[in-house]
């Protein structure tokens, strides 16, 4: 009984600790897209105003 409870507790702690890391992936990907779009806008503006 003790072994089963320990495994269940460790599994639950592992899942709970992994949840923020997995949700951060989407946030990081979104930030990367925003930075990329900003860079493209700056490059487009620079090309437009180049002599």
PDB file of N, CA and C in Angstrom:
ATOM      1  N   UNK A   1       0.829  -1.194   0.000  1.00  0.00           N
ATOM      2  CA  UNK A   1       0.000   0.000   0.000  1.00  0.00           C
ATOM      3  C   UNK A   1       0.872   1.257   0.000  1.00  0.00           C
ATOM      4  N   UNK A   2       1.941   1.269   0.795  1.00  0.00           N
ATOM      5  CA  UNK A   2       2.819   2.427   0.901  1.00  0.00           C
ATOM      6  C   UNK A   2       3.503   2.715  -0.433  1.00  0.00           C
ATOM      7  N   UNK A   3       3.936   1.651  -1.132  1.00  0.00           N
ATOM      8  CA  UNK A   3       4.620   1.804  -2.417  1.00  0.00           C
ATOM      9  C   UNK A   3       3.680   2.396  -3.466  1.00  0.00           C
ATOM     10  N   UNK A   4       2.449   1.952  -3.470  1.00  0.00           N
ATOM     11  CA  UNK A   4       1.461   2.435  -4.432  1.00  0.00           C
ATOM     12  C   UNK A   4       1.169   3.926  -4.194  1.00  0.00           C
ATOM     13  N   UNK A   5       1.044   4.325  -2.951  1.00  0.00           N
ATOM     14  CA  UNK A   5       0.792   5.718  -2.595  1.00  0.00           C
ATOM     15  C   UNK A   5       1.979   6.593  -2.977  1.00  0.00           C
ATOM     16  N   UNK A   6       3.179   6.093  -2.759  1.00  0.00           N
ATOM     17  CA  UNK A   6       4.383   6.848  -3.100  1.00  0.00           C
ATOM     18  C   UNK A   6       4.482   7.060  -4.604  1.00  0.00           C
ATOM     19  N   UNK A   7       4.226   6.033  -5.379  1.00  0.00           N
ATOM     20  CA  UNK A   7       4.275   6.146  -6.836  1.00  0.00           C
ATOM     21  C   UNK A   7       3.212   7.121  -7.324  1.00  0.00           C
ATOM     22  N   UNK A   8       2.030   7.046  -6.774  1.00  0.00           N
ATOM     23  CA  UNK A   8       0.956   7.959  -7.153  1.00  0.00           C
ATOM     24  C   UNK A   8       1.309   9.396  -6.811  1.00  0.00           C
ATOM     25  N   UNK A   9       1.860   9.607  -5.639  1.00  0.00           N
ATOM     26  CA  UNK A   9       2.255  10.947  -5.215  1.00  0.00           C
ATOM     27  C   UNK A   9       3.360  11.500  -6.105  1.00  0.00           C
ATOM     28  N   UNK A  10       4.365  10.715  -6.414  1.00  0.00           N
ATOM     29  CA  UNK A  10       5.448  11.160  -7.283  1.00  0.00           C
ATOM     30  C   UNK A  10       4.953  11.455  -8.697  1.00  0.00           C
ATOM     31  N   UNK A  11       4.047  10.636  -9.189  1.00  0.00           N
ATOM     32  CA  UNK A  11       3.475  10.871 -10.512  1.00  0.00           C
ATOM     33  C   UNK A  11       2.702  12.186 -10.552  1.00  0.00           C
ATOM     34  N   UNK A  12       1.925  12.431  -9.524  1.00  0.00           N
ATOM     35  CA  UNK A  12       1.144  13.658  -9.444  1.00  0.00           C
ATOM     36  C   UNK A  12       2.056  14.880  -9.361  1.00  0.00           C
ATOM     37  N   UNK A  13       3.102  14.800  -8.551  1.00  0.00           N
ATOM     38  CA  UNK A  13       4.048  15.916  -8.432  1.00  0.00           C
ATOM     39  C   UNK A  13       4.773  16.167  -9.749  1.00  0.00           C
ATOM     40  N   UNK A  14       5.116  15.115 -10.461  1.00  0.00           N
ATOM     41  CA  UNK A  14       5.787  15.253 -11.751  1.00  0.00           C
ATOM     42  C   UNK A  14       4.882  15.946 -12.758  1.00  0.00           C
ATOM     43  N   UNK A  15       3.637  15.546 -12.818  1.00  0.00           N
ATOM     44  CA  UNK A  15       2.691  16.171 -13.749  1.00  0.00           C
ATOM     45  C   UNK A  15       2.444  17.635 -13.405  1.00  0.00           C
ATOM     46  N   UNK A  16       2.310  17.926 -12.119  1.00  0.00           N
ATOM     47  CA  UNK A  16       2.062  19.311 -11.704  1.00  0.00           C
ATOM     48  C   UNK A  16       3.270  20.205 -11.952  1.00  0.00           C
ATOM     49  N   UNK A  17       4.455  19.672 -11.805  1.00  0.00           N
ATOM     50  CA  UNK A  17       5.645  20.486 -12.040  1.00  0.00           C
ATOM     51  C   UNK A  17       5.921  20.655 -13.526  1.00  0.00           C
ATOM     52  N   UNK A  18       5.466  19.740 -14.354  1.00  0.00           N
ATOM     53  CA  UNK A  18       5.688  19.834 -15.795  1.00  0.00           C
ATOM     54  C   UNK A  18       4.674  20.769 -16.469  1.00  0.00           C
ATOM     55  N   UNK A  19       3.534  20.991 -15.886  1.00  0.00           N
ATOM     56  CA  UNK A  19       2.484  21.804 -16.500  1.00  0.00           C
ATOM     57  C   UNK A  19       2.948  23.225 -16.833  1.00  0.00           C
ATOM     58  N   UNK A  20       3.592  23.949 -15.936  1.00  0.00           N
ATOM     59  CA  UNK A  20       4.050  25.307 -16.290  1.00  0.00           C
ATOM     60  C   UNK A  20       5.096  25.304 -17.401  1.00  0.00           C
ATOM     61  N   UNK A  21       5.936  24.297 -17.423  1.00  0.00           N
ATOM     62  CA  UNK A  21       6.956  24.217 -18.472  1.00  0.00           C
ATOM     63  C   UNK A  21       6.321  23.982 -19.836  1.00  0.00           C
ATOM     64  N   UNK A  22       5.310  23.155 -19.877  1.00  0.00           N
ATOM     65  CA  UNK A  22       4.654  22.879 -21.149  1.00  0.00           C
ATOM     66  C   UNK A  22       3.850  24.076 -21.636  1.00  0.00           C
ATOM     67  N   UNK A  23       3.235  24.800 -20.743  1.00  0.00           N
ATOM     68  CA  UNK A  23       2.467  25.972 -21.163  1.00  0.00           C
ATOM     69  C   UNK A  23       3.383  27.110 -21.585  1.00  0.00           C
ATOM     70  N   UNK A  24       4.594  27.145 -21.065  1.00  0.00           N
ATOM     71  CA  UNK A  24       5.553  28.187 -21.433  1.00  0.00           C
ATOM     72  C   UNK A  24       6.009  28.034 -22.877  1.00  0.00           C
ATOM     73  N   UNK A  25       5.933  26.853 -23.430  1.00  0.00           N
ATOM     74  CA  UNK A  25       6.350  26.646 -24.819  1.00  0.00           C
ATOM     75  C   UNK A  25       5.525  27.507 -25.763  1.00  0.00           C
ATOM     76  N   UNK A  26       4.223  27.581 -25.530  1.00  0.00           N
ATOM     77  CA  UNK A  26       3.363  28.386 -26.393  1.00  0.00           C
ATOM     78  C   UNK A  26       3.665  29.872 -26.218  1.00  0.00           C
ATOM     79  N   UNK A  27       3.945  30.283 -25.024  1.00  0.00           N
ATOM     80  CA  UNK A  27       4.268  31.680 -24.765  1.00  0.00           C
ATOM     81  C   UNK A  27       5.572  32.058 -25.461  1.00  0.00           C
ATOM     82  N   UNK A  28       6.556  31.208 -25.381  1.00  0.00           N
ATOM     83  CA  UNK A  28       7.842  31.461 -26.021  1.00  0.00           C
ATOM     84  C   UNK A  28       7.695  31.493 -27.537  1.00  0.00           C
ATOM     85  N   UNK A  29       6.917  30.593 -28.077  1.00  0.00           N
ATOM     86  CA  UNK A  29       6.702  30.571 -29.523  1.00  0.00           C
ATOM     87  C   UNK A  29       5.989  31.840 -29.977  1.00  0.00           C
ATOM     88  N   UNK A  30       5.029  32.297 -29.222  1.00  0.00           N
ATOM     89  CA  UNK A  30       4.313  33.523 -29.551  1.00  0.00           C
ATOM     90  C   UNK A  30       5.217  34.734 -29.489  1.00  0.00           C
ATOM     91  N   UNK A  31       6.084  34.778 -28.500  1.00  0.00           N
ATOM     92  CA  UNK A  31       7.030  35.895 -28.393  1.00  0.00           C
ATOM     93  C   UNK A  31       7.993  35.874 -29.568  1.00  0.00           C
ATOM     94  N   UNK A  32       8.424  34.702 -29.976  1.00  0.00           N
ATOM     95  CA  UNK A  32       9.314  34.585 -31.129  1.00  0.00           C
ATOM     96  C   UNK A  32       8.661  35.096 -32.406  1.00  0.00           C
ATOM     97  N   UNK A  33       7.398  34.792 -32.582  1.00  0.00           N
ATOM     98  CA  UNK A  33       6.664  35.276 -33.758  1.00  0.00           C
ATOM     99  C   UNK A  33       6.536  36.795 -33.724  1.00  0.00           C
ATOM    100  N   UNK A  34       6.242  37.355 -32.561  1.00  0.00           N
ATOM    101  CA  UNK A  34       6.116  38.807 -32.428  1.00  0.00           C
ATOM    102  C   UNK A  34       7.435  39.504 -32.739  1.00  0.00           C
ATOM    103  N   UNK A  35       8.521  38.968 -32.226  1.00  0.00           N
ATOM    104  CA  UNK A  35       9.840  39.558 -32.479  1.00  0.00           C
ATOM    105  C   UNK A  35      10.180  39.465 -33.956  1.00  0.00           C
ATOM    106  N   UNK A  36       9.849  38.358 -34.578  1.00  0.00           N
ATOM    107  CA  UNK A  36      10.113  38.178 -36.004  1.00  0.00           C
ATOM    108  C   UNK A  36       9.320  39.182 -36.838  1.00  0.00           C
ATOM    109  N   UNK A  37       8.054  39.376 -36.507  1.00  0.00           N
ATOM    110  CA  UNK A  37       7.224  40.346 -37.236  1.00  0.00           C
ATOM    111  C   UNK A  37       7.741  41.766 -37.049  1.00  0.00           C
ATOM    112  N   UNK A  38       8.201  42.081 -35.854  1.00  0.00           N
ATOM    113  CA  UNK A  38       8.765  43.407 -35.596  1.00  0.00           C
ATOM    114  C   UNK A  38      10.020  43.621 -36.440  1.00  0.00           C
ATOM    115  N   UNK A  39      10.869  42.607 -36.503  1.00  0.00           N
ATOM    116  CA  UNK A  39      12.076  42.689 -37.320  1.00  0.00           C
ATOM    117  C   UNK A  39      11.756  42.871 -38.791  1.00  0.00           C
ATOM    118  N   UNK A  40      10.742  42.182 -39.263  1.00  0.00           N
ATOM    119  CA  UNK A  40      10.334  42.319 -40.666  1.00  0.00           C
ATOM    120  C   UNK A  40       9.811  43.723 -40.945  1.00  0.00           C
ATOM    121  N   UNK A  41       9.066  44.298 -40.008  1.00  0.00           N
ATOM    122  CA  UNK A  41       8.537  45.649 -40.184  1.00  0.00           C
ATOM    123  C   UNK A  41       9.670  46.665 -40.216  1.00  0.00           C
ATOM    124  N   UNK A  42      10.659  46.497 -39.361  1.00  0.00           N
ATOM    125  CA  UNK A  42      11.810  47.408 -39.341  1.00  0.00           C
ATOM    126  C   UNK A  42      12.587  47.300 -40.661  1.00  0.00           C
ATOM    127  N   UNK A  43      12.776  46.070 -41.114  1.00  0.00           N
ATOM    128  CA  UNK A  43      13.505  45.859 -42.370  1.00  0.00           C
ATOM    129  C   UNK A  43      12.750  46.470 -43.548  1.00  0.00           C
ATOM    130  N   UNK A  44      11.451  46.307 -43.573  1.00  0.00           N
ATOM    131  CA  UNK A  44      10.627  46.875 -44.644  1.00  0.00           C
ATOM    132  C   UNK A  44      10.693  48.399 -44.623  1.00  0.00           C
ATOM    133  N   UNK A  45      10.633  48.972 -43.439  1.00  0.00           N
ATOM    134  CA  UNK A  45      10.715  50.426 -43.300  1.00  0.00           C
ATOM    135  C   UNK A  45      12.096  50.938 -43.750  1.00  0.00           C
ATOM    136  N   UNK A  46      13.140  50.222 -43.382  1.00  0.00           N
ATOM    137  CA  UNK A  46      14.486  50.606 -43.777  1.00  0.00           C
ATOM    138  C   UNK A  46      14.654  50.543 -45.292  1.00  0.00           C
ATOM    139  N   UNK A  47      14.106  49.510 -45.909  1.00  0.00           N
ATOM    140  CA  UNK A  47      14.182  49.395 -47.378  1.00  0.00           C
ATOM    141  C   UNK A  47      13.416  50.531 -48.043  1.00  0.00           C
ATOM    142  N   UNK A  48      12.288  50.897 -47.469  1.00  0.00           N
ATOM    143  CA  UNK A  48      11.436  51.947 -48.047  1.00  0.00           C
ATOM    144  C   UNK A  48      12.138  53.313 -47.972  1.00  0.00           C
ATOM    145  N   UNK A  49      12.887  53.553 -46.904  1.00  0.00           N
ATOM    146  CA  UNK A  49      13.514  54.857 -46.694  1.00  0.00           C
ATOM    147  C   UNK A  49      14.987  54.886 -47.111  1.00  0.00           C
ATOM    148  N   UNK A  50      15.459  53.823 -47.732  1.00  0.00           N
ATOM    149  CA  UNK A  50      16.862  53.791 -48.173  1.00  0.00           C
ATOM    150  C   UNK A  50      17.024  54.707 -49.392  1.00  0.00           C
ATOM    151  N   UNK A  51      18.154  55.371 -49.506  1.00  0.00           N
ATOM    152  CA  UNK A  51      18.367  56.250 -50.673  1.00  0.00           C
ATOM    153  C   UNK A  51      18.549  55.476 -51.959  1.00  0.00           C
TER     154      UNK A  51
END
